[in-house]
Amino acid sequence: MGRYVVRRLLVSIPTLIVISFVIYAILAFLSHSPVSELIKQRLPNTLAVVGVAELVGIAIGIPIGMISAIKRYSIFDHVGTTFAFMGFSVPTFFTGLLLIILFGIKLRWFPFIYDSTLQIHDLNSLTQQIRQSIMPITVLGLFNVATIARYVRAEMLEHLPLDYVRTARGKGLRERFVVLRHVLRNSLIPVVTLVALGIPAVFAGAIVTEQVFRVPGIGDLLVNSIGTGDIPVVATVVFIFAVLVVLFNLVADLLYAVLDPRIRYT
């Protein structure tokens, strides 16, 4: 009897494995929405938030880091450094909740729930779209500004005392030209890596931000698809992230050659 039970159990194991594969296949081939259509619907929302946040980070972070390095240990430097460390350390979901409580609930300046049905057809609808995008963009933008400003300051402080900077000044070049043409340009080489490789990370941060503000973007689609077991959508979104990493690695390599004439690709 014991041997019979053992044989039946051994036969049952592969049977259960086959059944599990059949169930998985049935779930995988249900009447899901076309992946391309889902991506087309969600991608513009994510790009609108992530793209603007990245531009805000570059446009504000580089000047803050540059001025902090030039005016080292000044009040501006202390304030900028403190802001950078806070923005770099505080998670985006916490910043998002603070903005919702302050500007969405207390002051009621901005809507804290994203209206995915809003269609832009006049000035009023455009204004509403901008208002509901301000807080998500601010959350990701603050993180980008803090990160970029921190690295620009560190790189410029490393380059300012070098011989080539003193030589440029000794030639009688204006300080602004020395800083912008020589110091900043050389300091941006490692920052390019940070920005280029940080863009996929911003997309990852958008997953949390979209959940906080209910933005119907790629991150929200990924979370919902994982919850429902929609494997094709999950695989597609993860592949998009992989493409972003490869693409912006290439962009970073090309920008190296623009910033440093000594770099040549053959």
C-alpha atoms as a PDB file:
ATOM      1  CA  MET A   1       0.000   0.000   0.000  1.00  0.00           C
ATOM      2  CA  GLY A   2       2.767   2.397   0.911  1.00  0.00           C
ATOM      3  CA  ARG A   3       4.584   1.844  -2.380  1.00  0.00           C
ATOM      4  CA  TYR A   4       1.343   2.406  -4.284  1.00  0.00           C
ATOM      5  CA  VAL A   5       0.752   5.730  -2.514  1.00  0.00           C
ATOM      6  CA  VAL A   6       4.308   6.827  -3.299  1.00  0.00           C
ATOM      7  CA  ARG A   7       3.883   5.903  -6.996  1.00  0.00           C
ATOM      8  CA  ARG A   8       0.599   7.791  -7.205  1.00  0.00           C
ATOM      9  CA  LEU A   9       2.189  10.841  -5.594  1.00  0.00           C
ATOM     10  CA  LEU A  10       5.100  10.718  -8.016  1.00  0.00           C
ATOM     11  CA  VAL A  11       2.653  10.545 -10.939  1.00  0.00           C
ATOM     12  CA  SER A  12       0.602  13.387  -9.477  1.00  0.00           C
ATOM     13  CA  ILE A  13       3.547  15.819  -9.400  1.00  0.00           C
ATOM     14  CA  PRO A  14       4.047  16.051 -13.210  1.00  0.00           C
ATOM     15  CA  THR A  15       0.273  16.049 -13.649  1.00  0.00           C
ATOM     16  CA  LEU A  16      -0.049  19.094 -11.430  1.00  0.00           C
ATOM     17  CA  ILE A  17       2.831  20.766 -13.255  1.00  0.00           C
ATOM     18  CA  VAL A  18       1.132  20.220 -16.623  1.00  0.00           C
ATOM     19  CA  ILE A  19      -2.162  21.545 -15.247  1.00  0.00           C
ATOM     20  CA  SER A  20      -0.417  24.658 -13.939  1.00  0.00           C
ATOM     21  CA  PHE A  21       1.081  25.319 -17.403  1.00  0.00           C
ATOM     22  CA  VAL A  22      -2.336  24.854 -19.011  1.00  0.00           C
ATOM     23  CA  ILE A  23      -3.919  27.313 -16.579  1.00  0.00           C
ATOM     24  CA  TYR A  24      -1.109  29.806 -17.201  1.00  0.00           C
ATOM     25  CA  ALA A  25      -1.564  29.467 -20.966  1.00  0.00           C
ATOM     26  CA  ILE A  26      -5.322  29.995 -20.690  1.00  0.00           C
ATOM     27  CA  LEU A  27      -4.823  33.139 -18.601  1.00  0.00           C
ATOM     28  CA  ALA A  28      -2.118  34.415 -20.939  1.00  0.00           C
ATOM     29  CA  PHE A  29      -4.347  34.051 -24.025  1.00  0.00           C
ATOM     30  CA  LEU A  30      -7.580  35.624 -22.631  1.00  0.00           C
ATOM     31  CA  SER A  31      -9.296  38.517 -24.608  1.00  0.00           C
ATOM     32  CA  HIS A  32      -6.703  41.203 -23.331  1.00  0.00           C
ATOM     33  CA  SER A  33      -6.682  44.628 -24.959  1.00  0.00           C
ATOM     34  CA  PRO A  34      -3.991  45.023 -27.647  1.00  0.00           C
ATOM     35  CA  VAL A  35      -0.736  45.997 -25.966  1.00  0.00           C
ATOM     36  CA  SER A  36       0.077  48.624 -28.577  1.00  0.00           C
ATOM     37  CA  GLU A  37      -3.221  50.397 -27.959  1.00  0.00           C
ATOM     38  CA  LEU A  38      -2.667  50.440 -24.199  1.00  0.00           C
ATOM     39  CA  ILE A  39       0.838  51.861 -24.645  1.00  0.00           C
ATOM     40  CA  LYS A  40      -0.435  54.535 -27.048  1.00  0.00           C
ATOM     41  CA  GLN A  41      -3.073  55.587 -24.525  1.00  0.00           C
ATOM     42  CA  ARG A  42      -0.746  55.724 -21.526  1.00  0.00           C
ATOM     43  CA  LEU A  43       2.622  56.808 -22.954  1.00  0.00           C
ATOM     44  CA  PRO A  44       1.694  60.479 -23.682  1.00  0.00           C
ATOM     45  CA  ASN A  45       0.672  60.998 -20.041  1.00  0.00           C
ATOM     46  CA  THR A  46       3.974  59.625 -18.772  1.00  0.00           C
ATOM     47  CA  LEU A  47       6.022  61.581 -21.300  1.00  0.00           C
ATOM     48  CA  ALA A  48       4.193  64.779 -20.406  1.00  0.00           C
ATOM     49  CA  VAL A  49       5.137  64.352 -16.750  1.00  0.00           C
ATOM     50  CA  VAL A  50       8.577  62.742 -17.016  1.00  0.00           C
ATOM     51  CA  GLY A  51       9.747  64.803 -19.986  1.00  0.00           C
ATOM     52  CA  VAL A  52       8.850  68.151 -18.435  1.00  0.00           C
ATOM     53  CA  ALA A  53      10.285  67.060 -15.062  1.00  0.00           C
ATOM     54  CA  GLU A  54      13.586  66.152 -16.730  1.00  0.00           C
ATOM     55  CA  LEU A  55      13.740  69.506 -18.528  1.00  0.00           C
ATOM     56  CA  VAL A  56      12.988  71.299 -15.262  1.00  0.00           C
ATOM     57  CA  GLY A  57      15.769  69.366 -13.551  1.00  0.00           C
ATOM     58  CA  ILE A  58      18.311  70.301 -16.213  1.00  0.00           C
ATOM     59  CA  ALA A  59      17.207  73.949 -16.548  1.00  0.00           C
ATOM     60  CA  ILE A  60      17.255  74.624 -12.799  1.00  0.00           C
ATOM     61  CA  GLY A  61      19.735  72.072 -11.446  1.00  0.00           C
ATOM     62  CA  ILE A  62      22.705  73.107 -13.599  1.00  0.00           C
ATOM     63  CA  PRO A  63      22.531  76.845 -12.689  1.00  0.00           C
ATOM     64  CA  ILE A  64      22.060  76.058  -8.990  1.00  0.00           C
ATOM     65  CA  GLY A  65      25.043  73.711  -8.949  1.00  0.00           C
ATOM     66  CA  MET A  66      27.170  76.146 -10.939  1.00  0.00           C
ATOM     67  CA  ILE A  67      26.416  79.157  -8.707  1.00  0.00           C
ATOM     68  CA  SER A  68      26.894  77.071  -5.552  1.00  0.00           C
ATOM     69  CA  ALA A  69      30.362  76.059  -6.745  1.00  0.00           C
ATOM     70  CA  ILE A  70      31.377  79.583  -7.739  1.00  0.00           C
ATOM     71  CA  LYS A  71      30.059  81.066  -4.483  1.00  0.00           C
ATOM     72  CA  ARG A  72      31.286  78.270  -2.264  1.00  0.00           C
ATOM     73  CA  TYR A  73      30.239  78.487   1.419  1.00  0.00           C
ATOM     74  CA  SER A  74      27.982  81.471   0.704  1.00  0.00           C
ATOM     75  CA  ILE A  75      24.376  81.653   1.893  1.00  0.00           C
ATOM     76  CA  PHE A  76      23.248  80.580  -1.573  1.00  0.00           C
ATOM     77  CA  ASP A  77      25.577  77.591  -1.427  1.00  0.00           C
ATOM     78  CA  HIS A  78      24.347  76.526   2.016  1.00  0.00           C
ATOM     79  CA  VAL A  79      20.697  76.849   0.986  1.00  0.00           C
ATOM     80  CA  GLY A  80      21.269  75.091  -2.334  1.00  0.00           C
ATOM     81  CA  THR A  81      23.252  72.256  -0.755  1.00  0.00           C
ATOM     82  CA  THR A  82      20.633  71.739   1.952  1.00  0.00           C
ATOM     83  CA  PHE A  83      17.875  71.716  -0.652  1.00  0.00           C
ATOM     84  CA  ALA A  84      19.829  69.243  -2.796  1.00  0.00           C
ATOM     85  CA  PHE A  85      20.366  66.785   0.040  1.00  0.00           C
ATOM     86  CA  MET A  86      16.723  67.017   1.099  1.00  0.00           C
ATOM     87  CA  GLY A  87      15.432  66.577  -2.450  1.00  0.00           C
ATOM     88  CA  PHE A  88      17.835  63.718  -3.090  1.00  0.00           C
ATOM     89  CA  SER A  89      17.006  61.900   0.156  1.00  0.00           C
ATOM     90  CA  VAL A  90      13.229  62.312   0.523  1.00  0.00           C
ATOM     91  CA  PRO A  91      11.325  59.649  -1.466  1.00  0.00           C
ATOM     92  CA  THR A  92       8.981  60.854  -4.173  1.00  0.00           C
ATOM     93  CA  PHE A  93       5.887  59.304  -2.632  1.00  0.00           C
ATOM     94  CA  PHE A  94       6.440  61.298   0.581  1.00  0.00           C
ATOM     95  CA  THR A  95       6.944  64.537  -1.357  1.00  0.00           C
ATOM     96  CA  GLY A  96       3.810  63.775  -3.350  1.00  0.00           C
ATOM     97  CA  LEU A  97       1.725  63.243  -0.227  1.00  0.00           C
ATOM     98  CA  LEU A  98       3.002  66.516   1.266  1.00  0.00           C
ATOM     99  CA  LEU A  99       2.027  68.420  -1.880  1.00  0.00           C
ATOM    100  CA  ILE A 100      -1.391  66.774  -1.922  1.00  0.00           C
ATOM    101  CA  ILE A 101      -2.062  67.690   1.704  1.00  0.00           C
ATOM    102  CA  LEU A 102      -0.802  71.263   1.367  1.00  0.00           C
ATOM    103  CA  PHE A 103      -1.802  72.381  -2.131  1.00  0.00           C
ATOM    104  CA  GLY A 104      -4.571  69.899  -2.885  1.00  0.00           C
ATOM    105  CA  ILE A 105      -6.499  69.574   0.374  1.00  0.00           C
ATOM    106  CA  LYS A 106      -5.590  72.574   2.528  1.00  0.00           C
ATOM    107  CA  LEU A 107      -5.181  75.339  -0.059  1.00  0.00           C
ATOM    108  CA  ARG A 108      -7.117  73.649  -2.885  1.00  0.00           C
ATOM    109  CA  TRP A 109      -4.906  75.236  -5.515  1.00  0.00           C
ATOM    110  CA  PHE A 110      -4.441  72.133  -7.640  1.00  0.00           C
ATOM    111  CA  PRO A 111      -6.464  68.949  -8.203  1.00  0.00           C
ATOM    112  CA  PHE A 112      -4.786  65.960  -6.585  1.00  0.00           C
ATOM    113  CA  ILE A 113      -6.625  63.336  -8.664  1.00  0.00           C
ATOM    114  CA  TYR A 114      -5.635  63.223 -12.319  1.00  0.00           C
ATOM    115  CA  ASP A 115      -8.602  63.424 -14.700  1.00  0.00           C
ATOM    116  CA  SER A 116      -7.770  60.982 -17.487  1.00  0.00           C
ATOM    117  CA  THR A 117     -10.962  61.835 -19.390  1.00  0.00           C
ATOM    118  CA  LEU A 118      -9.976  65.480 -19.865  1.00  0.00           C
ATOM    119  CA  GLN A 119      -9.754  66.417 -23.536  1.00  0.00           C
ATOM    120  CA  ILE A 120      -7.912  69.573 -24.628  1.00  0.00           C
ATOM    121  CA  HIS A 121     -10.174  71.517 -26.977  1.00  0.00           C
ATOM    122  CA  ASP A 122     -10.025  75.096 -25.672  1.00  0.00           C
ATOM    123  CA  LEU A 123      -8.054  77.379 -23.352  1.00  0.00           C
ATOM    124  CA  ASN A 124     -10.033  76.326 -20.280  1.00  0.00           C
ATOM    125  CA  SER A 125      -9.338  72.619 -20.783  1.00  0.00           C
ATOM    126  CA  LEU A 126      -5.662  73.389 -21.449  1.00  0.00           C
ATOM    127  CA  THR A 127      -5.488  75.311 -18.165  1.00  0.00           C
ATOM    128  CA  GLN A 128      -7.058  72.393 -16.314  1.00  0.00           C
ATOM    129  CA  GLN A 129      -4.552  70.010 -17.892  1.00  0.00           C
ATOM    130  CA  ILE A 130      -1.650  72.203 -16.789  1.00  0.00           C
ATOM    131  CA  ARG A 131      -3.050  72.559 -13.255  1.00  0.00           C
ATOM    132  CA  GLN A 132      -3.443  68.816 -12.747  1.00  0.00           C
ATOM    133  CA  SER A 133       0.055  68.177 -14.097  1.00  0.00           C
ATOM    134  CA  ILE A 134       1.848  70.691 -11.872  1.00  0.00           C
ATOM    135  CA  MET A 135       2.148  68.561  -8.722  1.00  0.00           C
ATOM    136  CA  PRO A 136       3.335  65.317 -10.411  1.00  0.00           C
ATOM    137  CA  ILE A 137       5.873  67.316 -12.426  1.00  0.00           C
ATOM    138  CA  THR A 138       6.983  69.137  -9.273  1.00  0.00           C
ATOM    139  CA  VAL A 139       7.591  65.879  -7.399  1.00  0.00           C
ATOM    140  CA  LEU A 140       9.837  64.416 -10.099  1.00  0.00           C
ATOM    141  CA  GLY A 141      11.314  67.812 -10.969  1.00  0.00           C
ATOM    142  CA  LEU A 142      12.469  68.463  -7.394  1.00  0.00           C
ATOM    143  CA  PHE A 143      14.257  65.129  -7.322  1.00  0.00           C
ATOM    144  CA  ASN A 144      15.944  65.859 -10.668  1.00  0.00           C
ATOM    145  CA  VAL A 145      16.961  69.388  -9.663  1.00  0.00           C
ATOM    146  CA  ALA A 146      18.475  68.163  -6.404  1.00  0.00           C
ATOM    147  CA  THR A 147      20.406  65.343  -8.045  1.00  0.00           C
ATOM    148  CA  ILE A 148      21.790  67.391 -10.935  1.00  0.00           C
ATOM    149  CA  ALA A 149      22.673  70.404  -8.757  1.00  0.00           C
ATOM    150  CA  ARG A 150      24.585  68.183  -6.352  1.00  0.00           C
ATOM    151  CA  TYR A 151      26.705  66.601  -9.065  1.00  0.00           C
ATOM    152  CA  VAL A 152      27.331  69.840 -10.987  1.00  0.00           C
ATOM    153  CA  ARG A 153      28.559  71.543  -7.813  1.00  0.00           C
ATOM    154  CA  ALA A 154      30.887  68.661  -6.963  1.00  0.00           C
ATOM    155  CA  GLU A 155      32.345  68.483 -10.476  1.00  0.00           C
ATOM    156  CA  MET A 156      32.877  72.241 -10.774  1.00  0.00           C
ATOM    157  CA  LEU A 157      34.597  72.406  -7.382  1.00  0.00           C
ATOM    158  CA  GLU A 158      36.975  69.740  -8.671  1.00  0.00           C
ATOM    159  CA  HIS A 159      37.772  71.663 -11.867  1.00  0.00           C
ATOM    160  CA  LEU A 160      37.952  75.257 -10.600  1.00  0.00           C
ATOM    161  CA  PRO A 161      41.422  74.912  -8.940  1.00  0.00           C
ATOM    162  CA  LEU A 162      43.032  73.121 -11.905  1.00  0.00           C
ATOM    163  CA  ASP A 163      45.892  74.555 -13.951  1.00  0.00           C
ATOM    164  CA  TYR A 164      43.982  75.043 -17.192  1.00  0.00           C
ATOM    165  CA  VAL A 165      41.495  77.320 -15.375  1.00  0.00           C
ATOM    166  CA  ARG A 166      44.304  79.444 -13.957  1.00  0.00           C
ATOM    167  CA  THR A 167      45.909  79.584 -17.412  1.00  0.00           C
ATOM    168  CA  ALA A 168      42.652  80.786 -18.971  1.00  0.00           C
ATOM    169  CA  ARG A 169      42.361  83.484 -16.343  1.00  0.00           C
ATOM    170  CA  GLY A 170      46.006  84.426 -16.835  1.00  0.00           C
ATOM    171  CA  LYS A 171      45.318  85.043 -20.514  1.00  0.00           C
ATOM    172  CA  GLY A 172      42.895  87.766 -19.506  1.00  0.00           C
ATOM    173  CA  LEU A 173      39.711  85.919 -20.398  1.00  0.00           C
ATOM    174  CA  ARG A 174      36.572  87.083 -18.690  1.00  0.00           C
ATOM    175  CA  GLU A 175      35.505  85.084 -15.652  1.00  0.00           C
ATOM    176  CA  ARG A 176      32.122  84.318 -17.185  1.00  0.00           C
ATOM    177  CA  PHE A 177      33.777  82.923 -20.312  1.00  0.00           C
ATOM    178  CA  VAL A 178      36.201  80.842 -18.243  1.00  0.00           C
ATOM    179  CA  VAL A 179      33.395  79.360 -16.161  1.00  0.00           C
ATOM    180  CA  LEU A 180      30.972  78.669 -18.985  1.00  0.00           C
ATOM    181  CA  ARG A 181      33.368  77.740 -21.789  1.00  0.00           C
ATOM    182  CA  HIS A 182      35.925  75.735 -19.845  1.00  0.00           C
ATOM    183  CA  VAL A 183      34.874  74.766 -16.320  1.00  0.00           C
ATOM    184  CA  LEU A 184      31.205  74.040 -16.916  1.00  0.00           C
ATOM    185  CA  ARG A 185      31.824  72.221 -20.188  1.00  0.00           C
ATOM    186  CA  ASN A 186      34.349  69.846 -18.641  1.00  0.00           C
ATOM    187  CA  SER A 187      32.221  69.431 -15.530  1.00  0.00           C
ATOM    188  CA  LEU A 188      29.217  68.340 -17.571  1.00  0.00           C
ATOM    189  CA  ILE A 189      30.924  65.210 -18.917  1.00  0.00           C
ATOM    190  CA  PRO A 190      30.116  63.038 -15.865  1.00  0.00           C
ATOM    191  CA  VAL A 191      26.811  64.867 -15.421  1.00  0.00           C
ATOM    192  CA  VAL A 192      25.800  63.701 -18.908  1.00  0.00           C
ATOM    193  CA  THR A 193      26.117  60.133 -17.665  1.00  0.00           C
ATOM    194  CA  LEU A 194      23.994  60.980 -14.651  1.00  0.00           C
ATOM    195  CA  VAL A 195      21.266  62.610 -16.726  1.00  0.00           C
ATOM    196  CA  ALA A 196      21.255  60.048 -19.538  1.00  0.00           C
ATOM    197  CA  LEU A 197      21.177  57.031 -17.252  1.00  0.00           C
ATOM    198  CA  GLY A 198      18.880  58.855 -14.837  1.00  0.00           C
ATOM    199  CA  ILE A 199      16.061  59.191 -17.370  1.00  0.00           C
ATOM    200  CA  PRO A 200      15.068  55.496 -17.068  1.00  0.00           C
ATOM    201  CA  ALA A 201      15.268  55.955 -13.298  1.00  0.00           C
ATOM    202  CA  VAL A 202      12.877  58.894 -13.588  1.00  0.00           C
ATOM    203  CA  PHE A 203      10.487  56.605 -15.456  1.00  0.00           C
ATOM    204  CA  ALA A 204      10.804  54.179 -12.551  1.00  0.00           C
ATOM    205  CA  GLY A 205      10.100  57.018 -10.114  1.00  0.00           C
ATOM    206  CA  ALA A 206       7.073  57.909 -12.207  1.00  0.00           C
ATOM    207  CA  ILE A 207       5.615  54.510 -11.303  1.00  0.00           C
ATOM    208  CA  VAL A 208       5.277  55.676  -7.695  1.00  0.00           C
ATOM    209  CA  THR A 209       4.269  59.225  -8.626  1.00  0.00           C
ATOM    210  CA  GLU A 210       1.554  58.017 -10.984  1.00  0.00           C
ATOM    211  CA  GLN A 211       0.153  55.838  -8.232  1.00  0.00           C
ATOM    212  CA  VAL A 212       0.086  58.755  -5.785  1.00  0.00           C
ATOM    213  CA  PHE A 213      -1.628  61.187  -8.174  1.00  0.00           C
ATOM    214  CA  ARG A 214      -3.592  58.566 -10.147  1.00  0.00           C
ATOM    215  CA  VAL A 215      -1.923  59.540 -13.404  1.00  0.00           C
ATOM    216  CA  PRO A 216      -2.937  57.018 -16.101  1.00  0.00           C
ATOM    217  CA  GLY A 217       0.577  56.521 -17.429  1.00  0.00           C
ATOM    218  CA  ILE A 218       2.983  53.677 -18.141  1.00  0.00           C
ATOM    219  CA  GLY A 219       3.814  53.204 -14.453  1.00  0.00           C
ATOM    220  CA  ASP A 220       0.159  52.877 -13.500  1.00  0.00           C
ATOM    221  CA  LEU A 221      -0.335  50.455 -16.386  1.00  0.00           C
ATOM    222  CA  LEU A 222       2.587  48.324 -15.176  1.00  0.00           C
ATOM    223  CA  VAL A 223       1.272  48.106 -11.609  1.00  0.00           C
ATOM    224  CA  ASN A 224      -2.263  47.244 -12.753  1.00  0.00           C
ATOM    225  CA  SER A 225      -0.984  44.652 -15.223  1.00  0.00           C
ATOM    226  CA  ILE A 226       1.114  42.960 -12.547  1.00  0.00           C
ATOM    227  CA  GLY A 227      -1.964  42.840 -10.304  1.00  0.00           C
ATOM    228  CA  THR A 228      -4.120  41.272 -13.003  1.00  0.00           C
ATOM    229  CA  GLY A 229      -1.423  38.955 -14.333  1.00  0.00           C
ATOM    230  CA  ASP A 230      -1.390  40.510 -17.802  1.00  0.00           C
ATOM    231  CA  ILE A 231       1.981  39.076 -18.833  1.00  0.00           C
ATOM    232  CA  PRO A 232       2.204  40.602 -22.365  1.00  0.00           C
ATOM    233  CA  VAL A 233       1.708  44.130 -21.025  1.00  0.00           C
ATOM    234  CA  VAL A 234       4.216  43.615 -18.204  1.00  0.00           C
ATOM    235  CA  ALA A 235       6.783  42.223 -20.642  1.00  0.00           C
ATOM    236  CA  THR A 236       6.232  45.134 -23.043  1.00  0.00           C
ATOM    237  CA  VAL A 237       6.628  47.822 -20.376  1.00  0.00           C
ATOM    238  CA  VAL A 238       9.762  46.180 -18.984  1.00  0.00           C
ATOM    239  CA  PHE A 239      11.140  45.964 -22.527  1.00  0.00           C
ATOM    240  CA  ILE A 240      10.457  49.689 -22.999  1.00  0.00           C
ATOM    241  CA  PHE A 241      12.524  50.404 -19.870  1.00  0.00           C
ATOM    242  CA  ALA A 242      15.322  48.231 -21.271  1.00  0.00           C
ATOM    243  CA  VAL A 243      15.202  50.118 -24.588  1.00  0.00           C
ATOM    244  CA  LEU A 244      15.453  53.419 -22.694  1.00  0.00           C
ATOM    245  CA  VAL A 245      18.572  52.252 -20.859  1.00  0.00           C
ATOM    246  CA  VAL A 246      20.270  51.160 -24.096  1.00  0.00           C
ATOM    247  CA  LEU A 247      19.168  54.252 -26.026  1.00  0.00           C
ATOM    248  CA  PHE A 248      20.320  56.787 -23.458  1.00  0.00           C
ATOM    249  CA  ASN A 249      23.615  54.966 -23.006  1.00  0.00           C
ATOM    250  CA  LEU A 250      24.176  55.665 -26.699  1.00  0.00           C
ATOM    251  CA  VAL A 251      23.077  59.290 -26.271  1.00  0.00           C
ATOM    252  CA  ALA A 252      25.555  59.705 -23.413  1.00  0.00           C
ATOM    253  CA  ASP A 253      28.407  58.322 -25.534  1.00  0.00           C
ATOM    254  CA  LEU A 254      27.593  60.741 -28.363  1.00  0.00           C
ATOM    255  CA  LEU A 255      27.426  63.713 -26.004  1.00  0.00           C
ATOM    256  CA  TYR A 256      30.881  62.842 -24.627  1.00  0.00           C
ATOM    257  CA  ALA A 257      32.332  63.559 -28.057  1.00  0.00           C
ATOM    258  CA  VAL A 258      30.475  66.870 -28.237  1.00  0.00           C
ATOM    259  CA  LEU A 259      31.733  68.041 -24.849  1.00  0.00           C
ATOM    260  CA  ASP A 260      35.281  66.683 -25.156  1.00  0.00           C
ATOM    261  CA  PRO A 261      36.899  67.127 -28.619  1.00  0.00           C
ATOM    262  CA  ARG A 262      39.583  64.602 -27.671  1.00  0.00           C
ATOM    263  CA  ILE A 263      37.011  61.806 -27.806  1.00  0.00           C
ATOM    264  CA  ARG A 264      36.632  60.307 -31.264  1.00  0.00           C
ATOM    265  CA  TYR A 265      34.549  57.284 -32.229  1.00  0.00           C
ATOM    266  CA  THR A 266      35.630  55.185 -35.185  1.00  0.00           C
END
